[in-house]
Every structure is written in structure tokens, then in C-alpha cells.
């Protein structure tokens, strides 16, 4: 009798009773990341949980780039984890807010919704600071595009 109860408890725990499992949204997409320090454009996946965003870009079926963004850091497959501000300074622009990359991959507004205009398909943002950045960012059904013309940065996500 005790064996049956133990087996039943173990089965329930294995089939989803574990509280550490977070819901995950998986998105297949064509991902473009062009910055002065990196250039990638290929199919990939974006995995969203409440606490992390993982991005994988593939080339010929092999993982080319991996990003894992959590509350404090951005970890990549080509260098160690960096604090978000240090990552922005090294790979994007140090004037960007720490949550910028995470918000782009989640499809959420950036810069605390500055310059936000709602559209029937999503939203757009135009954000400018003379000499630092000239950003257009749009999130519409099927994709999102971040472009900074001053810093030559383009990040696109096209859902597949």
C-alpha cells in the first residue's frame, strides 16, 4: 500500500506538480542583429519565461549565437555573462536602458514607453537624443524592428 502511495506521489510530482517550472513561450523567428560589433541574420528561437529570455540563432541547423537574458545579466555563447549595462556599453550603446534588449525580444515598449504611439496592429516608438541615438522601434503583428541610425544598430524579429 505504501509503495502505491509513494509511486502516485512521484508520478504527480513528475507530471507537473513541481513548483519550480515556469510557463514558457516559444517563438520561431527570423532574427537579424546588426551592430558595429556583431552581425547575425538567420532563423532562430526565442524562449520567454517570466524571469528569462533566451535567444538562439541558427546557421545550417547549428546554433550560431545564444543569448540568455535574466534580471541582472546577459550571457552569450561568445563571451561570459555581463551585467546589462556593461553589455550595452560593449555591444550596443551605453546610453540605452539596461532592459532594452530584453524588451525588444519580448515585444514590449522600451525607454519606459517614451514616444509610444498605439496602432491597430501594435505600437511604434520614436526616441531621439541628439548625438546619442535616433531610434525607431515598432512592434506589429508578426514582428518587431528596432533601428538606431546614429549607432548603426538594427534588430529585427520576424515570426515564422
N, C-alpha and C. Protein backbone atom coordinates (compact mmCIF):
# COMPACT_ATOMS: atom_id res chain seq x y z
N UNK A 1 0.82 -1.19 0.00
CA UNK A 1 0.00 0.00 0.00
C UNK A 1 0.87 1.27 0.00
N UNK A 2 1.91 1.30 0.85
CA UNK A 2 2.79 2.46 0.92
C UNK A 2 3.55 2.66 -0.39
N UNK A 3 3.90 1.55 -1.07
CA UNK A 3 4.58 1.65 -2.36
C UNK A 3 3.68 2.35 -3.38
N UNK A 4 2.39 2.00 -3.39
CA UNK A 4 1.44 2.61 -4.33
C UNK A 4 1.28 4.11 -4.08
N UNK A 5 1.22 4.49 -2.81
CA UNK A 5 1.07 5.91 -2.48
C UNK A 5 2.34 6.66 -2.89
N UNK A 6 3.50 6.09 -2.59
CA UNK A 6 4.76 6.71 -2.99
C UNK A 6 4.89 6.83 -4.49
N UNK A 7 4.47 5.81 -5.22
CA UNK A 7 4.51 5.84 -6.68
C UNK A 7 3.57 6.90 -7.24
N UNK A 8 2.39 7.01 -6.63
CA UNK A 8 1.41 8.01 -7.09
C UNK A 8 1.93 9.43 -6.83
N UNK A 9 2.52 9.68 -5.67
CA UNK A 9 3.07 11.00 -5.35
C UNK A 9 4.20 11.34 -6.32
N UNK A 10 5.08 10.40 -6.59
CA UNK A 10 6.19 10.63 -7.52
C UNK A 10 5.67 10.93 -8.92
N UNK A 11 4.64 10.23 -9.35
CA UNK A 11 4.07 10.44 -10.68
C UNK A 11 3.45 11.83 -10.79
N UNK A 12 2.68 12.22 -9.78
CA UNK A 12 2.06 13.55 -9.79
C UNK A 12 3.14 14.63 -9.81
N UNK A 13 4.19 14.46 -9.02
CA UNK A 13 5.27 15.45 -8.98
C UNK A 13 5.97 15.54 -10.32
N UNK A 14 6.25 14.43 -10.96
CA UNK A 14 6.92 14.42 -12.25
C UNK A 14 6.06 14.99 -13.37
N UNK A 15 4.77 14.85 -13.29
CA UNK A 15 3.88 15.32 -14.36
C UNK A 15 3.45 16.77 -14.19
N UNK A 16 4.10 17.52 -13.32
CA UNK A 16 3.79 18.94 -13.27
C UNK A 16 3.54 19.48 -11.90
N UNK A 17 3.69 18.69 -10.88
CA UNK A 17 3.48 19.18 -9.54
C UNK A 17 4.66 19.97 -9.01
N UNK A 18 5.74 20.02 -9.72
CA UNK A 18 6.93 20.74 -9.29
C UNK A 18 6.69 22.23 -9.43
N UNK A 19 6.86 22.98 -8.36
CA UNK A 19 6.56 24.41 -8.40
C UNK A 19 7.65 25.23 -9.07
N UNK A 20 8.82 24.65 -9.35
CA UNK A 20 9.91 25.39 -9.96
C UNK A 20 9.76 25.58 -11.46
N UNK A 21 8.78 24.96 -12.07
CA UNK A 21 8.60 25.05 -13.52
C UNK A 21 7.86 26.33 -13.85
N UNK A 22 8.42 27.12 -14.74
CA UNK A 22 7.78 28.35 -15.16
C UNK A 22 7.17 28.16 -16.54
N UNK A 23 6.02 28.79 -16.79
CA UNK A 23 5.47 28.69 -18.14
C UNK A 23 6.42 29.31 -19.15
N UNK A 24 6.55 28.68 -20.29
CA UNK A 24 7.49 29.15 -21.30
C UNK A 24 6.76 29.34 -22.62
N UNK A 25 7.02 30.47 -23.26
CA UNK A 25 6.50 30.74 -24.59
C UNK A 25 7.67 30.57 -25.56
N UNK A 26 7.46 29.79 -26.60
CA UNK A 26 8.50 29.55 -27.59
C UNK A 26 8.05 30.17 -28.91
N UNK A 27 8.97 30.88 -29.55
CA UNK A 27 8.66 31.58 -30.79
C UNK A 27 9.75 31.28 -31.82
N UNK A 28 9.34 30.81 -32.98
CA UNK A 28 10.26 30.61 -34.09
C UNK A 28 10.27 31.90 -34.91
N UNK A 29 11.47 32.37 -35.29
CA UNK A 29 11.55 33.66 -35.96
C UNK A 29 12.81 33.77 -36.80
N UNK A 30 12.75 34.68 -37.77
CA UNK A 30 13.95 35.11 -38.49
C UNK A 30 14.48 36.29 -37.69
N UNK A 31 15.73 36.19 -37.23
CA UNK A 31 16.30 37.19 -36.32
C UNK A 31 17.49 37.86 -36.99
N UNK A 32 17.49 39.18 -36.99
CA UNK A 32 18.60 39.97 -37.51
C UNK A 32 19.15 40.80 -36.36
N UNK A 33 20.46 40.71 -36.14
CA UNK A 33 21.15 41.55 -35.16
C UNK A 33 22.38 42.12 -35.84
N UNK A 34 22.33 43.42 -36.17
CA UNK A 34 23.47 44.09 -36.79
C UNK A 34 23.86 45.26 -35.91
N UNK A 35 25.07 45.19 -35.39
CA UNK A 35 25.64 46.27 -34.60
C UNK A 35 27.07 46.45 -35.09
N UNK A 36 27.76 47.48 -34.66
CA UNK A 36 29.16 47.62 -35.06
C UNK A 36 30.03 46.45 -34.61
N UNK A 37 29.62 45.68 -33.58
CA UNK A 37 30.45 44.59 -33.07
C UNK A 37 29.94 43.19 -33.42
N UNK A 38 28.73 43.06 -33.95
CA UNK A 38 28.22 41.73 -34.33
C UNK A 38 27.22 41.85 -35.47
N UNK A 39 27.20 40.80 -36.28
CA UNK A 39 26.28 40.76 -37.41
C UNK A 39 25.78 39.32 -37.58
N UNK A 40 24.49 39.12 -37.31
CA UNK A 40 23.87 37.81 -37.45
C UNK A 40 22.50 37.98 -38.07
N UNK A 41 22.16 37.08 -38.96
CA UNK A 41 20.83 37.07 -39.57
C UNK A 41 20.51 35.64 -39.99
N UNK A 42 19.59 35.02 -39.28
CA UNK A 42 19.19 33.66 -39.63
C UNK A 42 17.99 33.26 -38.79
N UNK A 43 17.51 32.06 -39.03
CA UNK A 43 16.38 31.54 -38.27
C UNK A 43 16.82 31.25 -36.85
N UNK A 44 15.86 31.35 -35.94
CA UNK A 44 16.17 31.07 -34.55
C UNK A 44 14.92 30.89 -33.72
N UNK A 45 15.14 30.83 -32.43
CA UNK A 45 14.05 30.66 -31.48
C UNK A 45 14.21 31.66 -30.35
N UNK A 46 13.07 32.10 -29.83
CA UNK A 46 13.05 32.97 -28.66
C UNK A 46 12.19 32.24 -27.62
N UNK A 47 12.78 32.02 -26.44
CA UNK A 47 12.08 31.35 -25.35
C UNK A 47 11.86 32.38 -24.25
N UNK A 48 10.61 32.63 -23.90
CA UNK A 48 10.26 33.60 -22.87
C UNK A 48 9.70 32.89 -21.65
N UNK A 49 10.25 33.20 -20.50
CA UNK A 49 9.65 32.83 -19.22
C UNK A 49 9.52 34.14 -18.44
N UNK A 50 8.80 34.15 -17.34
CA UNK A 50 8.70 35.40 -16.58
C UNK A 50 10.05 35.96 -16.12
N UNK A 51 11.05 35.09 -15.93
CA UNK A 51 12.32 35.57 -15.40
C UNK A 51 13.47 35.62 -16.40
N UNK A 52 13.34 34.98 -17.56
CA UNK A 52 14.43 34.98 -18.53
C UNK A 52 13.91 35.04 -19.96
N UNK A 53 14.80 35.49 -20.83
CA UNK A 53 14.57 35.42 -22.26
C UNK A 53 15.80 34.73 -22.85
N UNK A 54 15.59 33.69 -23.62
CA UNK A 54 16.69 33.00 -24.28
C UNK A 54 16.48 33.15 -25.78
N UNK A 55 17.55 33.51 -26.47
CA UNK A 55 17.52 33.68 -27.92
C UNK A 55 18.58 32.78 -28.52
N UNK A 56 18.20 32.02 -29.52
CA UNK A 56 19.14 31.16 -30.23
C UNK A 56 19.02 31.46 -31.72
N UNK A 57 20.14 31.73 -32.37
CA UNK A 57 20.17 31.95 -33.82
C UNK A 57 20.96 30.81 -34.43
N UNK A 58 20.39 30.20 -35.45
CA UNK A 58 21.00 29.03 -36.09
C UNK A 58 21.51 29.37 -37.48
N UNK A 59 22.53 28.63 -37.91
CA UNK A 59 23.03 28.69 -39.29
C UNK A 59 23.27 27.25 -39.71
N UNK A 60 22.68 26.87 -40.81
CA UNK A 60 22.75 25.49 -41.33
C UNK A 60 22.43 24.46 -40.24
N UNK A 61 21.40 24.76 -39.45
CA UNK A 61 20.93 23.83 -38.44
C UNK A 61 21.75 23.76 -37.17
N UNK A 62 22.81 24.54 -37.07
CA UNK A 62 23.67 24.53 -35.88
C UNK A 62 23.52 25.85 -35.13
N UNK A 63 23.51 25.80 -33.80
CA UNK A 63 23.42 27.05 -33.05
C UNK A 63 24.64 27.94 -33.29
N UNK A 64 24.38 29.16 -33.71
CA UNK A 64 25.45 30.10 -34.02
C UNK A 64 25.66 31.07 -32.86
N UNK A 65 24.55 31.57 -32.32
CA UNK A 65 24.59 32.53 -31.22
C UNK A 65 23.51 32.16 -30.21
N UNK A 66 23.87 32.27 -28.95
CA UNK A 66 22.91 32.09 -27.86
C UNK A 66 23.01 33.29 -26.93
N UNK A 67 21.86 33.84 -26.59
CA UNK A 67 21.78 34.90 -25.59
C UNK A 67 20.83 34.43 -24.50
N UNK A 68 21.20 34.65 -23.27
CA UNK A 68 20.29 34.40 -22.15
C UNK A 68 20.24 35.67 -21.32
N UNK A 69 19.05 36.23 -21.22
CA UNK A 69 18.86 37.49 -20.52
C UNK A 69 18.05 37.22 -19.27
N UNK A 70 18.64 37.55 -18.11
CA UNK A 70 17.91 37.41 -16.86
C UNK A 70 17.81 38.78 -16.19
N UNK A 71 17.40 38.81 -14.95
CA UNK A 71 17.17 40.09 -14.28
C UNK A 71 18.44 40.95 -14.17
N UNK A 72 19.60 40.31 -14.06
CA UNK A 72 20.84 41.05 -13.83
C UNK A 72 21.79 41.08 -15.01
N UNK A 73 21.84 39.98 -15.79
CA UNK A 73 22.90 39.79 -16.78
C UNK A 73 22.38 39.44 -18.16
N UNK A 74 23.31 39.54 -19.12
CA UNK A 74 23.12 38.99 -20.45
C UNK A 74 24.31 38.07 -20.69
N UNK A 75 24.00 36.81 -20.92
CA UNK A 75 25.04 35.81 -21.16
C UNK A 75 24.98 35.43 -22.63
N UNK A 76 26.13 35.28 -23.26
CA UNK A 76 26.18 34.92 -24.67
C UNK A 76 27.08 33.72 -24.86
N UNK A 77 26.96 33.13 -26.04
CA UNK A 77 27.79 31.97 -26.36
C UNK A 77 29.20 32.38 -26.76
N UNK A 78 29.46 33.67 -27.02
CA UNK A 78 30.79 34.06 -27.45
C UNK A 78 31.58 34.85 -26.41
N UNK A 79 31.02 35.13 -25.26
CA UNK A 79 31.79 35.63 -24.12
C UNK A 79 30.98 35.41 -22.85
N UNK A 80 31.62 35.64 -21.73
CA UNK A 80 30.97 35.38 -20.45
C UNK A 80 29.80 36.31 -20.21
N UNK A 81 29.10 36.05 -19.13
CA UNK A 81 27.97 36.90 -18.75
C UNK A 81 28.46 38.30 -18.38
N UNK A 82 27.68 39.28 -18.79
CA UNK A 82 27.96 40.67 -18.44
C UNK A 82 26.71 41.27 -17.81
N UNK A 83 26.93 42.20 -16.89
CA UNK A 83 25.79 42.97 -16.40
C UNK A 83 25.17 43.68 -17.59
N UNK A 84 23.88 43.94 -17.53
CA UNK A 84 23.16 44.52 -18.68
C UNK A 84 23.77 45.84 -19.13
N UNK A 85 24.15 46.70 -18.19
CA UNK A 85 24.75 47.99 -18.56
C UNK A 85 26.08 47.79 -19.28
N UNK A 86 26.88 46.84 -18.80
CA UNK A 86 28.18 46.56 -19.44
C UNK A 86 27.97 45.95 -20.82
N UNK A 87 26.96 45.10 -20.96
CA UNK A 87 26.66 44.53 -22.27
C UNK A 87 26.29 45.64 -23.25
N UNK A 88 25.40 46.55 -22.81
CA UNK A 88 25.01 47.67 -23.69
C UNK A 88 26.22 48.49 -24.09
N UNK A 89 27.11 48.78 -23.15
CA UNK A 89 28.30 49.58 -23.45
C UNK A 89 29.19 48.87 -24.46
N UNK A 90 29.36 47.55 -24.31
CA UNK A 90 30.26 46.80 -25.18
C UNK A 90 29.64 46.47 -26.54
N UNK A 91 28.35 46.15 -26.58
CA UNK A 91 27.73 45.62 -27.79
C UNK A 91 26.72 46.56 -28.46
N UNK A 92 26.13 47.48 -27.70
CA UNK A 92 25.08 48.35 -28.26
C UNK A 92 25.46 49.82 -28.06
N UNK A 93 24.89 50.43 -27.03
CA UNK A 93 25.18 51.82 -26.72
C UNK A 93 24.99 52.01 -25.22
N UNK A 94 25.97 52.60 -24.56
CA UNK A 94 25.88 52.74 -23.11
C UNK A 94 24.75 53.66 -22.65
N UNK A 95 24.17 54.46 -23.54
CA UNK A 95 23.06 55.34 -23.17
C UNK A 95 21.72 54.60 -23.14
N UNK A 96 21.69 53.36 -23.61
CA UNK A 96 20.45 52.58 -23.61
C UNK A 96 20.11 52.10 -22.19
N UNK A 97 18.82 51.97 -21.87
CA UNK A 97 18.45 51.41 -20.57
C UNK A 97 18.83 49.92 -20.50
N UNK A 98 19.09 49.41 -19.30
CA UNK A 98 19.51 48.01 -19.16
C UNK A 98 18.52 46.99 -19.71
N UNK A 99 17.25 47.31 -19.72
CA UNK A 99 16.22 46.35 -20.15
C UNK A 99 15.95 46.38 -21.66
N UNK A 100 16.69 47.16 -22.41
CA UNK A 100 16.39 47.35 -23.83
C UNK A 100 16.30 46.04 -24.61
N UNK A 101 17.35 45.24 -24.59
CA UNK A 101 17.38 44.03 -25.39
C UNK A 101 16.29 43.04 -24.97
N UNK A 102 16.11 42.90 -23.69
CA UNK A 102 15.05 42.03 -23.17
C UNK A 102 13.68 42.48 -23.67
N UNK A 103 13.41 43.78 -23.59
CA UNK A 103 12.12 44.29 -24.04
C UNK A 103 11.91 44.09 -25.54
N UNK A 104 12.96 44.25 -26.34
CA UNK A 104 12.83 44.03 -27.78
C UNK A 104 12.44 42.57 -28.04
N UNK A 105 13.15 41.63 -27.43
CA UNK A 105 12.85 40.22 -27.68
C UNK A 105 11.51 39.78 -27.08
N UNK A 106 11.02 40.49 -26.10
CA UNK A 106 9.68 40.21 -25.56
C UNK A 106 8.59 40.94 -26.34
N UNK A 107 8.98 41.91 -27.17
CA UNK A 107 7.99 42.69 -27.91
C UNK A 107 7.28 43.71 -27.04
N UNK A 108 8.00 44.24 -26.06
CA UNK A 108 7.45 45.22 -25.13
C UNK A 108 8.04 46.60 -25.39
N UNK A 109 7.35 47.66 -24.95
CA UNK A 109 7.89 49.01 -25.13
C UNK A 109 9.26 49.17 -24.46
N UNK A 110 10.04 50.10 -25.00
CA UNK A 110 11.38 50.40 -24.48
C UNK A 110 11.39 51.80 -23.89
N UNK A 111 12.45 52.18 -23.20
CA UNK A 111 12.62 53.53 -22.65
C UNK A 111 11.38 53.99 -21.88
N UNK A 112 10.81 53.11 -21.05
CA UNK A 112 9.62 53.45 -20.24
C UNK A 112 8.49 54.04 -21.08
N UNK A 113 8.28 53.50 -22.26
CA UNK A 113 7.18 53.87 -23.18
C UNK A 113 7.32 55.28 -23.76
N UNK A 114 8.51 55.85 -23.71
CA UNK A 114 8.74 57.18 -24.26
C UNK A 114 8.41 57.19 -25.76
N UNK A 115 7.70 58.21 -26.23
CA UNK A 115 7.36 58.35 -27.64
C UNK A 115 6.43 57.27 -28.18
N UNK A 116 5.69 56.62 -27.33
CA UNK A 116 4.83 55.50 -27.72
C UNK A 116 3.57 55.98 -28.43
N UNK A 117 3.29 55.37 -29.58
CA UNK A 117 2.05 55.61 -30.32
C UNK A 117 1.40 54.25 -30.58
N UNK A 118 0.20 54.06 -30.07
CA UNK A 118 -0.53 52.82 -30.31
C UNK A 118 -1.07 52.81 -31.73
N UNK A 119 -1.04 51.64 -32.37
CA UNK A 119 -1.63 51.47 -33.69
C UNK A 119 -2.60 50.30 -33.62
N UNK A 120 -3.35 50.08 -34.67
CA UNK A 120 -4.29 48.96 -34.67
C UNK A 120 -3.57 47.62 -34.67
N UNK A 121 -2.33 47.60 -35.15
CA UNK A 121 -1.56 46.36 -35.24
C UNK A 121 -0.55 46.19 -34.10
N UNK A 122 -0.37 47.22 -33.26
CA UNK A 122 0.63 47.14 -32.19
C UNK A 122 1.00 48.53 -31.71
N UNK A 123 2.30 48.88 -31.80
CA UNK A 123 2.73 50.21 -31.40
C UNK A 123 4.04 50.57 -32.09
N UNK A 124 4.35 51.87 -32.08
CA UNK A 124 5.64 52.37 -32.56
C UNK A 124 6.19 53.34 -31.52
N UNK A 125 7.49 53.51 -31.56
CA UNK A 125 8.15 54.49 -30.71
C UNK A 125 9.23 55.19 -31.52
N UNK A 126 9.27 56.50 -31.41
CA UNK A 126 10.35 57.31 -31.97
C UNK A 126 11.02 57.98 -30.78
N UNK A 127 12.32 57.70 -30.62
CA UNK A 127 13.05 58.20 -29.45
C UNK A 127 14.36 58.79 -29.95
N UNK A 128 14.59 60.06 -29.61
CA UNK A 128 15.80 60.73 -30.08
C UNK A 128 16.47 61.47 -28.93
N UNK A 129 17.78 61.42 -28.93
CA UNK A 129 18.59 62.23 -28.04
C UNK A 129 19.79 62.66 -28.85
N UNK A 130 19.87 63.94 -29.10
CA UNK A 130 20.88 64.48 -30.02
C UNK A 130 22.28 63.98 -29.70
N UNK A 131 22.91 63.42 -30.73
CA UNK A 131 24.27 62.93 -30.61
C UNK A 131 24.41 61.56 -29.98
N UNK A 132 23.34 61.03 -29.36
CA UNK A 132 23.42 59.73 -28.69
C UNK A 132 22.67 58.62 -29.43
N UNK A 133 21.44 58.91 -29.83
CA UNK A 133 20.65 57.90 -30.53
C UNK A 133 19.49 58.54 -31.28
N UNK A 134 19.09 57.85 -32.33
CA UNK A 134 17.91 58.22 -33.13
C UNK A 134 17.21 56.89 -33.44
N UNK A 135 16.24 56.55 -32.59
CA UNK A 135 15.64 55.22 -32.58
C UNK A 135 14.23 55.24 -33.14
N UNK A 136 13.96 54.28 -34.00
CA UNK A 136 12.58 53.96 -34.36
C UNK A 136 12.38 52.48 -34.00
N UNK A 137 11.31 52.22 -33.30
CA UNK A 137 11.02 50.87 -32.81
C UNK A 137 9.55 50.60 -33.04
N UNK A 138 9.27 49.48 -33.67
CA UNK A 138 7.87 49.13 -33.90
C UNK A 138 7.63 47.67 -33.56
N UNK A 139 6.49 47.44 -32.97
CA UNK A 139 6.03 46.09 -32.67
C UNK A 139 4.66 45.97 -33.31
N UNK A 140 4.59 45.14 -34.32
CA UNK A 140 3.32 44.90 -35.02
C UNK A 140 3.12 43.39 -35.11
N UNK A 141 1.90 43.01 -35.40
CA UNK A 141 1.62 41.58 -35.51
C UNK A 141 2.61 40.95 -36.49
N UNK A 142 3.27 39.92 -36.04
CA UNK A 142 4.22 39.22 -36.90
C UNK A 142 5.66 39.66 -36.76
N UNK A 143 5.93 40.73 -35.99
CA UNK A 143 7.33 41.09 -35.86
C UNK A 143 7.58 42.38 -35.12
N UNK A 144 8.86 42.64 -34.97
CA UNK A 144 9.30 43.89 -34.34
C UNK A 144 10.62 44.32 -34.95
N UNK A 145 10.80 45.64 -35.02
CA UNK A 145 12.01 46.21 -35.62
C UNK A 145 12.51 47.34 -34.76
N UNK A 146 13.79 47.27 -34.39
CA UNK A 146 14.47 48.31 -33.66
C UNK A 146 15.59 48.82 -34.55
N UNK A 147 15.62 50.14 -34.78
CA UNK A 147 16.65 50.73 -35.62
C UNK A 147 17.15 52.01 -34.97
N UNK A 148 18.48 52.10 -34.82
CA UNK A 148 19.12 53.31 -34.32
C UNK A 148 20.07 53.77 -35.41
N UNK A 149 19.71 54.85 -36.09
CA UNK A 149 20.50 55.30 -37.25
C UNK A 149 21.83 55.94 -36.84
N UNK A 150 21.91 56.53 -35.67
CA UNK A 150 23.17 57.13 -35.24
C UNK A 150 24.21 56.06 -34.93
N UNK A 151 23.79 54.99 -34.28
CA UNK A 151 24.73 53.95 -33.84
C UNK A 151 24.79 52.74 -34.78
N UNK A 152 24.10 52.82 -35.91
CA UNK A 152 24.09 51.73 -36.90
C UNK A 152 23.71 50.39 -36.29
N UNK A 153 22.59 50.39 -35.58
CA UNK A 153 22.10 49.17 -34.93
C UNK A 153 20.73 48.82 -35.51
N UNK A 154 20.58 47.56 -35.88
CA UNK A 154 19.32 47.03 -36.38
C UNK A 154 19.07 45.68 -35.70
N UNK A 155 17.90 45.57 -35.08
CA UNK A 155 17.46 44.29 -34.52
C UNK A 155 16.05 44.05 -35.04
N UNK A 156 15.89 42.93 -35.76
CA UNK A 156 14.58 42.58 -36.32
C UNK A 156 14.20 41.19 -35.88
N UNK A 157 12.94 41.01 -35.63
CA UNK A 157 12.39 39.69 -35.31
C UNK A 157 11.15 39.53 -36.18
N UNK A 158 11.17 38.56 -37.06
CA UNK A 158 10.01 38.24 -37.93
C UNK A 158 9.53 36.85 -37.59
N UNK A 159 8.34 36.77 -36.98
CA UNK A 159 7.79 35.48 -36.59
C UNK A 159 7.58 34.60 -37.80
N UNK A 160 7.83 33.33 -37.62
CA UNK A 160 7.62 32.34 -38.70
C UNK A 160 6.59 31.35 -38.28
